[in-house]
N, C-alpha and C. Protein backbone atom coordinates (compact mmCIF):
# COMPACT_ATOMS: atom_id res chain seq x y z
N MET A 1 50.21 173.58 69.25
CA MET A 1 49.99 173.01 68.99
C MET A 1 48.90 172.96 67.84
N ALA A 2 48.25 172.26 66.88
CA ALA A 2 47.17 172.38 66.03
C ALA A 2 45.72 172.33 67.28
N ASP A 3 44.60 172.86 67.07
CA ASP A 3 43.13 172.41 68.00
C ASP A 3 43.05 171.43 67.85
N ILE A 4 44.25 170.56 69.15
CA ILE A 4 43.77 169.28 69.32
C ILE A 4 43.54 168.59 70.32
N SER A 5 42.87 167.85 70.91
CA SER A 5 42.29 167.19 72.56
C SER A 5 43.85 166.38 72.93
N GLU A 6 43.78 166.56 73.63
CA GLU A 6 44.25 165.10 74.04
C GLU A 6 44.48 163.80 73.78
N LEU A 7 42.95 163.82 74.09
CA LEU A 7 42.06 162.16 73.49
C LEU A 7 42.27 162.31 72.34
N GLU A 8 42.02 163.06 71.70
CA GLU A 8 42.28 162.92 69.86
C GLU A 8 43.98 162.55 69.34
N LEU A 9 44.65 163.60 70.01
CA LEU A 9 45.77 163.03 69.23
C LEU A 9 46.15 161.59 69.76
N ASP A 10 45.96 161.69 71.39
CA ASP A 10 45.77 160.02 71.63
C ASP A 10 45.36 158.68 70.72
N ALA A 11 44.09 159.07 70.37
CA ALA A 11 43.94 158.25 69.45
C ALA A 11 44.53 158.52 67.70
N LEU A 12 44.92 159.06 67.59
CA LEU A 12 45.19 159.91 66.20
C LEU A 12 46.76 158.70 66.21
N TRP A 13 47.59 158.88 67.33
CA TRP A 13 48.98 158.66 67.74
C TRP A 13 48.53 157.05 66.97
N ASP A 14 47.75 156.37 68.25
CA ASP A 14 47.47 155.17 67.70
C ASP A 14 47.51 154.45 66.60
N GLU A 15 46.25 155.40 65.86
CA GLU A 15 46.09 155.23 64.35
C GLU A 15 47.23 155.11 63.25
N PHE A 16 47.99 155.76 63.79
CA PHE A 16 49.30 156.22 63.03
C PHE A 16 50.26 155.05 62.70
N HIS A 17 49.99 155.28 64.38
CA HIS A 17 50.95 153.62 64.28
C HIS A 17 50.54 152.63 63.75
N THR A 18 49.53 152.08 63.78
CA THR A 18 48.71 151.11 63.64
C THR A 18 49.37 150.94 61.86
N ALA A 19 48.32 151.92 61.15
CA ALA A 19 48.77 152.00 59.44
C ALA A 19 50.64 152.48 59.45
N VAL A 20 51.16 152.82 60.05
CA VAL A 20 52.39 152.94 59.35
C VAL A 20 53.40 151.66 60.36
N ASN A 21 53.44 150.42 59.64
CA ASN A 21 53.30 149.27 60.30
C ASN A 21 54.95 148.22 60.03
N MET A 22 55.56 149.66 58.93
CA MET A 22 57.03 149.56 58.98
C MET A 22 57.93 150.04 59.92
N THR A 23 58.98 149.94 60.76
CA THR A 23 59.67 150.03 61.60
C THR A 23 60.39 151.59 61.13
N SER A 24 61.06 152.49 61.89
CA SER A 24 61.87 153.30 61.06
C SER A 24 62.96 152.84 60.62
N ASN A 25 63.85 151.60 61.17
CA ASN A 25 64.83 150.92 60.58
C ASN A 25 64.11 150.62 58.66
N GLU A 26 63.28 149.91 58.97
CA GLU A 26 62.94 149.74 57.84
C GLU A 26 62.30 150.59 56.51
N LEU A 27 61.45 151.65 57.04
CA LEU A 27 61.37 152.92 55.76
C LEU A 27 62.55 153.99 56.14
N ALA A 28 63.13 153.82 56.32
CA ALA A 28 64.37 154.85 56.28
C ALA A 28 64.86 153.24 55.05
N ALA A 29 65.57 152.07 54.98
CA ALA A 29 65.96 151.49 54.11
C ALA A 29 65.34 151.77 53.32
N TRP A 30 63.84 151.23 52.82
CA TRP A 30 62.94 151.77 51.95
C TRP A 30 63.23 152.54 50.69
N LEU A 31 63.60 154.02 51.78
CA LEU A 31 63.18 155.34 51.06
C LEU A 31 64.58 155.23 50.33
N ARG A 32 65.54 154.74 51.31
CA ARG A 32 67.29 154.85 50.75
C ARG A 32 66.84 153.64 49.12
N THR A 33 66.57 152.75 48.89
CA THR A 33 66.75 151.80 48.22
C THR A 33 65.40 152.17 46.70
N SER A 34 64.67 152.77 47.11
CA SER A 34 63.33 153.16 46.67
C SER A 34 63.87 154.19 45.58
N ASP A 35 64.84 154.93 46.31
CA ASP A 35 65.30 156.01 45.50
C ASP A 35 66.70 156.01 44.83
N ALA A 36 67.33 154.70 44.71
CA ALA A 36 68.65 154.86 44.22
C ALA A 36 68.36 154.40 42.57
N GLY A 37 69.07 154.90 42.20
CA GLY A 37 69.34 154.77 40.55
C GLY A 37 70.95 154.04 40.19
N GLU A 38 70.59 153.83 38.90
CA GLU A 38 71.97 152.99 38.03
C GLU A 38 73.27 153.85 38.60
N ARG A 39 73.00 155.19 38.52
CA ARG A 39 74.26 155.99 38.26
C ARG A 39 74.32 156.79 39.81
N THR A 40 73.16 156.92 40.44
CA THR A 40 73.49 158.16 41.64
C THR A 40 72.38 157.57 42.77
N GLU A 41 72.65 158.24 43.93
CA GLU A 41 71.89 157.91 44.88
C GLU A 41 71.81 159.35 45.55
N ALA A 42 70.83 159.07 46.46
CA ALA A 42 70.22 160.27 47.39
C ALA A 42 71.11 160.05 48.59
N LEU A 43 71.71 161.29 49.30
CA LEU A 43 72.04 161.04 50.66
C LEU A 43 70.63 160.39 51.41
N PRO A 44 71.08 159.93 52.51
CA PRO A 44 70.35 159.34 53.58
C PRO A 44 68.95 159.94 53.84
N GLU A 45 69.51 161.40 54.26
CA GLU A 45 68.57 161.99 54.49
C GLU A 45 67.86 162.74 54.03
N GLN A 46 67.72 162.65 52.13
CA GLN A 46 67.57 162.78 51.55
C GLN A 46 66.29 162.19 50.73
N ALA A 47 66.48 160.75 51.26
CA ALA A 47 66.07 159.98 50.10
C ALA A 47 64.50 160.01 50.00
N GLY A 48 63.96 159.18 49.10
CA GLY A 48 62.68 159.32 49.39
C GLY A 48 62.01 160.41 48.57
N ALA A 49 60.48 160.70 48.85
CA ALA A 49 59.78 161.24 48.68
C ALA A 49 59.45 162.21 49.90
N GLU A 50 59.17 163.23 49.80
CA GLU A 50 59.13 164.15 51.26
C GLU A 50 58.11 163.61 52.05
N GLN A 51 57.46 163.13 52.05
CA GLN A 51 56.08 162.63 52.61
C GLN A 51 56.56 161.32 53.64
N GLY A 52 57.30 160.74 53.18
CA GLY A 52 58.28 159.54 53.53
C GLY A 52 59.66 159.97 54.40
N ARG A 53 60.05 160.97 54.34
CA ARG A 53 60.78 161.64 54.86
C ARG A 53 60.53 162.11 56.27
N HIS A 54 59.14 162.40 56.37
CA HIS A 54 58.19 163.52 57.11
C HIS A 54 57.85 162.02 58.25
N VAL A 55 57.06 160.78 57.41
CA VAL A 55 56.90 159.86 58.54
C VAL A 55 58.16 159.23 58.77
N LEU A 56 58.91 159.33 58.58
CA LEU A 56 59.92 158.67 59.03
C LEU A 56 61.04 159.27 60.38
N ALA A 57 60.55 160.77 60.28
CA ALA A 57 60.71 161.75 61.39
C ALA A 57 59.91 161.59 62.67
N ILE A 58 58.36 161.54 62.21
CA ILE A 58 57.40 161.56 63.16
C ILE A 58 58.01 159.64 63.71
N LEU A 59 58.00 158.65 62.77
CA LEU A 59 58.16 157.90 64.06
C LEU A 59 59.59 157.95 64.76
N GLN A 60 60.33 159.10 64.56
CA GLN A 60 61.57 158.71 65.52
C GLN A 60 61.20 159.83 66.53
N LYS A 61 60.11 160.27 66.56
CA LYS A 61 59.58 161.30 67.65
C LYS A 61 58.79 160.87 68.86
N ARG A 62 58.83 161.60 69.73
CA ARG A 62 57.92 161.39 70.91
C ARG A 62 56.73 162.04 70.46
N ARG A 63 55.33 161.30 71.14
CA ARG A 63 54.12 161.89 70.95
C ARG A 63 54.19 163.60 71.40
N MET A 64 54.63 164.52 72.81
CA MET A 64 54.87 165.33 72.70
C MET A 64 55.46 166.31 72.26
N ASP A 65 56.52 165.60 71.44
CA ASP A 65 57.11 166.84 70.52
C ASP A 65 56.66 167.09 69.23
N LEU A 66 55.41 166.69 69.04
CA LEU A 66 54.70 166.57 67.06
C LEU A 66 54.70 167.98 67.07
N THR A 67 54.50 168.38 65.48
CA THR A 67 54.32 169.57 65.61
C THR A 67 52.88 169.76 64.87
N ASP A 68 52.49 170.47 64.35
CA ASP A 68 51.23 171.07 63.36
C ASP A 68 51.40 169.97 62.29
N ASP A 69 52.76 170.81 61.68
CA ASP A 69 52.50 169.72 60.11
C ASP A 69 52.87 167.96 60.20
N ASP A 70 53.14 167.58 61.50
CA ASP A 70 53.72 166.22 62.43
C ASP A 70 51.71 165.61 61.98
N ILE A 71 51.13 166.50 62.30
CA ILE A 71 49.78 165.91 63.12
C ILE A 71 48.70 166.00 61.56
N ALA A 72 49.26 166.61 60.49
CA ALA A 72 48.73 167.36 59.12
C ALA A 72 48.51 165.76 58.88
N VAL A 73 50.40 165.64 58.48
CA VAL A 73 50.42 164.40 57.84
C VAL A 73 50.42 162.78 58.05
N MET A 74 50.64 162.62 59.40
CA MET A 74 49.39 161.80 60.71
C MET A 74 47.70 161.40 59.66
N ARG A 75 47.33 162.21 60.04
CA ARG A 75 45.89 162.13 59.21
C ARG A 75 45.78 161.92 58.24
N GLU A 76 46.96 162.69 57.03
CA GLU A 76 46.64 162.36 55.83
C GLU A 76 47.65 160.94 55.47
N VAL A 77 48.37 160.67 56.16
CA VAL A 77 48.96 158.68 56.00
C VAL A 77 47.72 158.13 56.71
N VAL A 78 46.85 158.24 57.76
CA VAL A 78 45.56 157.25 58.50
C VAL A 78 44.87 157.27 56.98
N ASP A 79 44.07 158.24 56.91
CA ASP A 79 42.81 158.49 55.52
C ASP A 79 43.72 157.57 54.16
N THR A 80 44.76 158.00 53.96
CA THR A 80 45.42 156.95 52.93
C THR A 80 45.00 155.77 53.04
N VAL A 81 46.07 154.76 54.28
CA VAL A 81 45.52 154.11 53.76
C VAL A 81 44.64 153.64 54.29
N ASP A 82 43.92 153.46 55.28
CA ASP A 82 42.39 153.02 55.55
C ASP A 82 41.80 153.04 54.43
N ALA A 83 41.86 154.71 52.64
CA ALA A 83 41.37 154.20 51.99
C ALA A 83 41.57 152.95 51.10
N GLU A 84 42.88 153.04 50.66
CA GLU A 84 43.72 151.83 49.92
C GLU A 84 43.08 150.76 50.37
N ARG A 85 43.47 150.38 52.07
CA ARG A 85 43.08 149.18 52.55
C ARG A 85 41.45 148.80 52.00
N GLU A 86 40.98 149.35 52.01
CA GLU A 86 39.18 149.10 51.50
C GLU A 86 39.31 149.37 49.80
N ARG A 87 40.11 149.55 49.06
CA ARG A 87 39.37 149.78 47.70
C ARG A 87 40.51 148.53 47.36
N VAL A 88 41.80 147.88 48.00
CA VAL A 88 43.11 146.79 47.33
C VAL A 88 42.86 145.73 48.23
N ARG A 89 42.46 144.56 48.21
CA ARG A 89 42.86 143.49 48.55
C ARG A 89 44.60 142.95 48.58
N VAL A 90 44.49 142.40 50.10
CA VAL A 90 46.43 141.86 49.59
C VAL A 90 46.83 141.11 48.88
N ALA A 91 45.60 140.61 48.22
CA ALA A 91 46.41 139.54 47.05
C ALA A 91 46.91 139.95 45.65
N GLU A 92 45.91 140.78 45.48
CA GLU A 92 45.56 142.31 44.79
C GLU A 92 46.92 142.87 45.16
N ALA A 93 47.73 143.17 45.84
CA ALA A 93 48.83 144.24 45.99
C ALA A 93 50.21 143.45 45.44
N VAL A 94 50.00 142.22 45.78
CA VAL A 94 51.32 141.49 45.48
C VAL A 94 51.31 141.29 44.01
N GLN A 95 50.38 141.31 43.40
CA GLN A 95 50.16 141.52 42.05
C GLN A 95 50.86 142.76 41.30
N ASP A 96 50.61 143.77 42.02
CA ASP A 96 50.99 145.73 41.61
C ASP A 96 52.11 145.91 42.45
N PRO A 97 52.96 145.79 42.01
CA PRO A 97 54.44 145.90 43.22
C PRO A 97 54.41 147.73 43.14
N GLU A 98 54.30 148.48 42.09
CA GLU A 98 54.02 149.65 42.13
C GLU A 98 53.30 150.17 43.19
N TRP A 99 51.93 149.68 43.29
CA TRP A 99 50.97 150.42 44.30
C TRP A 99 51.93 150.07 45.88
N ARG A 100 52.10 148.61 45.83
CA ARG A 100 52.64 148.13 47.25
C ARG A 100 54.13 149.27 47.40
N HIS A 101 54.48 149.67 46.63
CA HIS A 101 56.04 150.44 47.00
C HIS A 101 55.68 151.50 46.99
N ARG A 102 54.22 152.16 46.59
CA ARG A 102 53.84 153.76 46.92
C ARG A 102 53.22 153.94 48.58
N MET A 103 52.50 152.81 48.65
CA MET A 103 52.48 152.60 50.11
C MET A 103 53.24 152.52 51.39
N MET A 104 54.49 151.54 50.50
CA MET A 104 55.38 151.29 51.36
C MET A 104 55.96 152.46 51.88
N SER A 105 56.05 153.64 50.31
CA SER A 105 56.64 154.76 51.05
C SER A 105 56.29 155.72 51.53
N MET A 106 55.06 155.65 52.31
CA MET A 106 54.61 155.93 53.72
C MET A 106 54.37 155.80 54.82
N GLY A 107 55.56 154.34 54.59
CA GLY A 107 55.52 152.99 56.20
C GLY A 107 53.99 151.95 55.76
N HIS A 108 53.41 151.88 55.45
CA HIS A 108 52.78 150.79 55.42
C HIS A 108 52.89 149.78 54.49
N ASP A 109 53.36 148.67 54.74
CA ASP A 109 53.03 147.95 53.85
C ASP A 109 52.22 146.50 53.46
N PRO A 110 51.65 147.01 52.68
CA PRO A 110 50.31 146.02 52.66
C PRO A 110 50.40 144.66 52.62
N VAL A 111 51.13 143.78 52.51
CA VAL A 111 51.21 142.70 52.48
C VAL A 111 51.39 142.03 54.04
N ARG A 112 52.09 142.53 54.74
CA ARG A 112 52.07 142.77 56.47
C ARG A 112 51.17 142.48 57.04
N ALA A 113 50.83 141.40 57.76
CA ALA A 113 49.56 141.52 58.61
C ALA A 113 49.91 142.46 59.44
N SER A 114 48.73 143.15 59.66
CA SER A 114 48.04 144.29 60.64
C SER A 114 48.11 144.37 61.97
């Protein structure tokens, strides 16, 4: 596993699960919905962007089963959600559905209480 201590991994695990405030079922449903078109729909395991599918996979894992790629995605999601929360207020998120949908595609619904 990556050069990360158990203490750092515990902190990252907690930060990730705070930033990702959608359940695995909610995220899976969102990825399928966001990827559905008028004529076609992706297979459930292929729905959504790669990052969203990776977040979903992490949500379904135990901490002891994480890979280096999982840890990198977790850091990226935590950093992105933190930066976006500072940049955009919840009231603005409601008025910008595209931004909210991008955030939801990585498991964070900005209008949900954190």
